[in-house]
Amino acid sequence: MGMIAAWWSLDALNAEVPDHHHDSTVENLDGTFDASDELRCFRKEHVPVVAIEKWQLHDDPDDAEGIAKIENLRRAIRAGVRLPAIVLVHVPGGPRFEQFSDPRYAGAYHLLEGRHRYNAAYQEQTPTIFGWVAHIGCCGGPGADLVVAKSGG
């Protein structure tokens, strides 16, 4: 896994390259990992595609729009176009979810944003994908910042 060493907040990354799903990404980061978009826990990394939880793989044959988006992204990958970063959380100890027995949740990376790009990379058997990866309480990253705020301490 290639990593760019600086620590970033999601807010700073979004200022650098705006994400049109930023609000929902922040909600997922807060709701699942108790972290705000100001927490400097992100690194820019090239993540092994096979290490991302499989539950985000597209499995709706009736979703013509989603299938078309994925196919367009696959063509872009084959043409050598650099796709925008996906947003992930590194969960090296395994998933932090009730569904842990579901094999689709196995993987060291939990996808927060970029489902179509992830699916295109997976289908193209791309070895790595560029992402903004949160390291909350692992790999030298800080602990969650909203736990203290939510508990009043």
C-alpha atoms as a PDB file:
ATOM      1  CA  MET A   1       0.000   0.000   0.000  1.00  0.00           C
ATOM      2  CA  GLY A   2       1.449   3.348  -1.001  1.00  0.00           C
ATOM      3  CA  MET A   3       0.884   6.187   1.448  1.00  0.00           C
ATOM      4  CA  ILE A   4       1.452   9.920   1.420  1.00  0.00           C
ATOM      5  CA  ALA A   5       2.642  10.748   4.941  1.00  0.00           C
ATOM      6  CA  ALA A   6       0.774  13.959   5.874  1.00  0.00           C
ATOM      7  CA  TRP A   7      -2.310  13.753   8.094  1.00  0.00           C
ATOM      8  CA  TRP A   8      -5.389  15.483   6.680  1.00  0.00           C
ATOM      9  CA  SER A   9      -8.899  16.216   7.885  1.00  0.00           C
ATOM     10  CA  LEU A  10     -11.791  15.254   5.640  1.00  0.00           C
ATOM     11  CA  ASP A  11     -12.716  18.935   5.525  1.00  0.00           C
ATOM     12  CA  ALA A  12      -9.251  19.857   4.189  1.00  0.00           C
ATOM     13  CA  LEU A  13      -9.338  17.071   1.609  1.00  0.00           C
ATOM     14  CA  ASN A  14     -12.769  18.218   0.483  1.00  0.00           C
ATOM     15  CA  ALA A  15     -11.463  21.779   0.122  1.00  0.00           C
ATOM     16  CA  GLU A  16      -8.643  20.458  -2.078  1.00  0.00           C
ATOM     17  CA  VAL A  17     -10.910  18.278  -4.256  1.00  0.00           C
ATOM     18  CA  PRO A  18     -14.632  18.888  -3.600  1.00  0.00           C
ATOM     19  CA  ASP A  19     -16.779  15.791  -3.158  1.00  0.00           C
ATOM     20  CA  HIS A  20     -20.428  16.221  -4.134  1.00  0.00           C
ATOM     21  CA  HIS A  21     -21.368  13.585  -1.497  1.00  0.00           C
ATOM     22  CA  HIS A  22     -19.402  15.296   1.274  1.00  0.00           C
ATOM     23  CA  ASP A  23     -22.403  15.756   3.602  1.00  0.00           C
ATOM     24  CA  SER A  24     -23.329  12.059   3.583  1.00  0.00           C
ATOM     25  CA  THR A  25     -19.654  11.090   3.941  1.00  0.00           C
ATOM     26  CA  VAL A  26     -19.423  13.280   7.064  1.00  0.00           C
ATOM     27  CA  GLU A  27     -22.641  11.709   8.431  1.00  0.00           C
ATOM     28  CA  ASN A  28     -21.237   8.199   7.906  1.00  0.00           C
ATOM     29  CA  LEU A  29     -17.909   9.118   9.490  1.00  0.00           C
ATOM     30  CA  ASP A  30     -19.682  10.587  12.513  1.00  0.00           C
ATOM     31  CA  GLY A  31     -22.423   7.976  12.850  1.00  0.00           C
ATOM     32  CA  THR A  32     -20.239   4.899  12.463  1.00  0.00           C
ATOM     33  CA  PHE A  33     -16.821   5.998  13.715  1.00  0.00           C
ATOM     34  CA  ASP A  34     -17.539   8.953  16.050  1.00  0.00           C
ATOM     35  CA  ALA A  35     -15.239  11.218  14.074  1.00  0.00           C
ATOM     36  CA  SER A  36     -15.824  14.681  12.678  1.00  0.00           C
ATOM     37  CA  ASP A  37     -14.623  16.071   9.367  1.00  0.00           C
ATOM     38  CA  GLU A  38     -12.071  18.151  11.339  1.00  0.00           C
ATOM     39  CA  LEU A  39     -10.221  15.132  12.782  1.00  0.00           C
ATOM     40  CA  ARG A  40      -6.771  14.909  11.174  1.00  0.00           C
ATOM     41  CA  CYS A  41      -6.873  11.141  10.686  1.00  0.00           C
ATOM     42  CA  PHE A  42      -6.794  10.815   6.873  1.00  0.00           C
ATOM     43  CA  ARG A  43      -3.934   9.877   4.609  1.00  0.00           C
ATOM     44  CA  LYS A  44      -3.842   9.736   0.832  1.00  0.00           C
ATOM     45  CA  GLU A  45      -3.163   6.099  -0.049  1.00  0.00           C
ATOM     46  CA  HIS A  46      -3.244   3.551  -2.819  1.00  0.00           C
ATOM     47  CA  VAL A  47      -5.345   0.771  -1.276  1.00  0.00           C
ATOM     48  CA  PRO A  48      -5.513  -2.849  -2.472  1.00  0.00           C
ATOM     49  CA  VAL A  49      -8.958  -3.207  -4.056  1.00  0.00           C
ATOM     50  CA  VAL A  50      -9.324  -6.757  -2.696  1.00  0.00           C
ATOM     51  CA  ALA A  51      -8.908  -5.437   0.884  1.00  0.00           C
ATOM     52  CA  ILE A  52     -12.128  -3.343   0.722  1.00  0.00           C
ATOM     53  CA  GLU A  53     -15.253  -4.855   2.274  1.00  0.00           C
ATOM     54  CA  LYS A  54     -17.269  -6.600  -0.461  1.00  0.00           C
ATOM     55  CA  TRP A  55     -20.699  -5.517   0.793  1.00  0.00           C
ATOM     56  CA  GLN A  56     -20.452  -2.435  -1.440  1.00  0.00           C
ATOM     57  CA  LEU A  57     -20.222  -4.535  -4.605  1.00  0.00           C
ATOM     58  CA  HIS A  58     -23.083  -3.727  -6.948  1.00  0.00           C
ATOM     59  CA  ASP A  59     -25.706  -6.468  -6.903  1.00  0.00           C
ATOM     60  CA  ASP A  60     -28.843  -4.828  -8.302  1.00  0.00           C
ATOM     61  CA  PRO A  61     -29.462  -5.955 -11.908  1.00  0.00           C
ATOM     62  CA  ASP A  62     -32.376  -3.471 -12.145  1.00  0.00           C
ATOM     63  CA  ASP A  63     -30.205  -0.425 -11.366  1.00  0.00           C
ATOM     64  CA  ALA A  64     -29.570   0.672 -14.943  1.00  0.00           C
ATOM     65  CA  GLU A  65     -28.165   4.046 -13.853  1.00  0.00           C
ATOM     66  CA  GLY A  66     -25.670   2.472 -11.444  1.00  0.00           C
ATOM     67  CA  ILE A  67     -24.605  -0.128 -14.006  1.00  0.00           C
ATOM     68  CA  ALA A  68     -24.069   2.614 -16.600  1.00  0.00           C
ATOM     69  CA  LYS A  69     -21.973   4.678 -14.144  1.00  0.00           C
ATOM     70  CA  ILE A  70     -19.804   1.675 -13.354  1.00  0.00           C
ATOM     71  CA  GLU A  71     -19.339   0.866 -17.044  1.00  0.00           C
ATOM     72  CA  ASN A  72     -18.342   4.472 -17.811  1.00  0.00           C
ATOM     73  CA  LEU A  73     -15.813   4.349 -14.981  1.00  0.00           C
ATOM     74  CA  ARG A  74     -14.467   1.017 -16.251  1.00  0.00           C
ATOM     75  CA  ARG A  75     -13.894   2.605 -19.659  1.00  0.00           C
ATOM     76  CA  ALA A  76     -12.114   5.504 -17.966  1.00  0.00           C
ATOM     77  CA  ILE A  77      -9.849   3.095 -16.067  1.00  0.00           C
ATOM     78  CA  ARG A  78      -9.005   1.231 -19.280  1.00  0.00           C
ATOM     79  CA  ALA A  79      -8.206   4.589 -20.912  1.00  0.00           C
ATOM     80  CA  GLY A  80      -5.804   5.454 -18.092  1.00  0.00           C
ATOM     81  CA  VAL A  81      -7.916   8.250 -16.592  1.00  0.00           C
ATOM     82  CA  ARG A  82      -7.055   8.997 -12.956  1.00  0.00           C
ATOM     83  CA  LEU A  83     -10.272   8.785 -10.952  1.00  0.00           C
ATOM     84  CA  PRO A  84     -11.018  10.974  -7.922  1.00  0.00           C
ATOM     85  CA  ALA A  85     -10.252   9.465  -4.516  1.00  0.00           C
ATOM     86  CA  ILE A  86     -12.705   7.198  -2.767  1.00  0.00           C
ATOM     87  CA  VAL A  87     -13.140   7.660   1.003  1.00  0.00           C
ATOM     88  CA  LEU A  88     -12.368   4.758   3.328  1.00  0.00           C
ATOM     89  CA  VAL A  89     -11.779   3.943   6.977  1.00  0.00           C
ATOM     90  CA  HIS A  90      -9.025   1.473   7.840  1.00  0.00           C
ATOM     91  CA  VAL A  91     -10.409  -1.174  10.203  1.00  0.00           C
ATOM     92  CA  PRO A  92      -7.399  -3.471  10.711  1.00  0.00           C
ATOM     93  CA  GLY A  93      -8.959  -5.374  13.601  1.00  0.00           C
ATOM     94  CA  GLY A  94     -11.901  -6.385  11.448  1.00  0.00           C
ATOM     95  CA  PRO A  95     -15.307  -4.819  11.014  1.00  0.00           C
ATOM     96  CA  ARG A  96     -16.918  -2.842  13.818  1.00  0.00           C
ATOM     97  CA  PHE A  97     -20.416  -3.891  12.834  1.00  0.00           C
ATOM     98  CA  GLU A  98     -23.048  -6.395  13.955  1.00  0.00           C
ATOM     99  CA  GLN A  99     -22.834  -8.099  10.555  1.00  0.00           C
ATOM    100  CA  PHE A 100     -19.301  -9.336  11.302  1.00  0.00           C
ATOM    101  CA  SER A 101     -20.306 -12.929  10.517  1.00  0.00           C
ATOM    102  CA  ASP A 102     -21.293 -11.918   6.962  1.00  0.00           C
ATOM    103  CA  PRO A 103     -18.241 -12.562   4.735  1.00  0.00           C
ATOM    104  CA  ARG A 104     -19.069  -9.451   2.691  1.00  0.00           C
ATOM    105  CA  TYR A 105     -17.906  -7.401   5.695  1.00  0.00           C
ATOM    106  CA  ALA A 106     -14.467  -9.039   5.741  1.00  0.00           C
ATOM    107  CA  GLY A 107     -11.772  -6.613   4.707  1.00  0.00           C
ATOM    108  CA  ALA A 108      -9.435  -4.107   6.236  1.00  0.00           C
ATOM    109  CA  TYR A 109     -11.129  -1.075   4.612  1.00  0.00           C
ATOM    110  CA  HIS A 110     -14.669   0.204   5.092  1.00  0.00           C
ATOM    111  CA  LEU A 111     -15.936   2.271   2.161  1.00  0.00           C
ATOM    112  CA  LEU A 112     -17.603   5.580   3.073  1.00  0.00           C
ATOM    113  CA  GLU A 113     -17.877   7.136  -0.403  1.00  0.00           C
ATOM    114  CA  GLY A 114     -17.051   6.095  -3.964  1.00  0.00           C
ATOM    115  CA  ARG A 115     -19.117   2.964  -4.490  1.00  0.00           C
ATOM    116  CA  HIS A 116     -19.226   3.204  -8.295  1.00  0.00           C
ATOM    117  CA  ARG A 117     -15.477   3.865  -8.542  1.00  0.00           C
ATOM    118  CA  TYR A 118     -14.772   0.934  -6.216  1.00  0.00           C
ATOM    119  CA  ASN A 119     -17.025  -1.347  -8.274  1.00  0.00           C
ATOM    120  CA  ALA A 120     -15.359  -0.300 -11.531  1.00  0.00           C
ATOM    121  CA  ALA A 121     -11.895  -0.943 -10.066  1.00  0.00           C
ATOM    122  CA  TYR A 122     -13.034  -4.306  -8.682  1.00  0.00           C
ATOM    123  CA  GLN A 123     -14.551  -5.386 -12.002  1.00  0.00           C
ATOM    124  CA  GLU A 124     -11.449  -4.267 -13.885  1.00  0.00           C
ATOM    125  CA  GLN A 125      -9.307  -6.232 -11.400  1.00  0.00           C
ATOM    126  CA  THR A 126      -7.288  -3.112 -10.680  1.00  0.00           C
ATOM    127  CA  PRO A 127      -4.696  -3.946  -8.011  1.00  0.00           C
ATOM    128  CA  THR A 128      -5.041  -0.648  -6.107  1.00  0.00           C
ATOM    129  CA  ILE A 129      -7.345   2.344  -5.954  1.00  0.00           C
ATOM    130  CA  PHE A 130      -6.526   5.855  -4.764  1.00  0.00           C
ATOM    131  CA  GLY A 131      -8.338   6.843  -1.615  1.00  0.00           C
ATOM    132  CA  TRP A 132      -8.522   9.140   1.341  1.00  0.00           C
ATOM    133  CA  VAL A 133      -8.144   6.695   4.223  1.00  0.00           C
ATOM    134  CA  ALA A 134      -9.086   7.466   7.819  1.00  0.00           C
ATOM    135  CA  HIS A 135      -6.932   5.847  10.488  1.00  0.00           C
ATOM    136  CA  ILE A 136      -9.007   6.352  13.627  1.00  0.00           C
ATOM    137  CA  GLY A 137      -7.103   4.905  16.542  1.00  0.00           C
ATOM    138  CA  CYS A 138      -4.775   2.848  14.333  1.00  0.00           C
ATOM    139  CA  CYS A 139      -1.556   3.261  12.329  1.00  0.00           C
ATOM    140  CA  GLY A 140      -0.549   6.329  14.331  1.00  0.00           C
ATOM    141  CA  GLY A 141      -3.858   8.084  13.750  1.00  0.00           C
ATOM    142  CA  PRO A 142      -5.782   9.853  16.517  1.00  0.00           C
ATOM    143  CA  GLY A 143      -8.680   8.354  18.420  1.00  0.00           C
ATOM    144  CA  ALA A 144     -12.248   9.303  17.564  1.00  0.00           C
ATOM    145  CA  ASP A 145     -12.915  12.947  18.412  1.00  0.00           C
ATOM    146  CA  LEU A 146     -16.690  12.924  18.944  1.00  0.00           C
ATOM    147  CA  VAL A 147     -16.695  10.353  21.746  1.00  0.00           C
ATOM    148  CA  VAL A 148     -15.529  12.960  24.261  1.00  0.00           C
ATOM    149  CA  ALA A 149     -17.847  15.624  22.865  1.00  0.00           C
ATOM    150  CA  LYS A 150     -20.890  13.322  22.902  1.00  0.00           C
ATOM    151  CA  SER A 151     -20.239  12.084  26.447  1.00  0.00           C
ATOM    152  CA  GLY A 152     -19.897  15.636  27.747  1.00  0.00           C
ATOM    153  CA  GLY A 153     -16.339  15.075  28.932  1.00  0.00           C
END
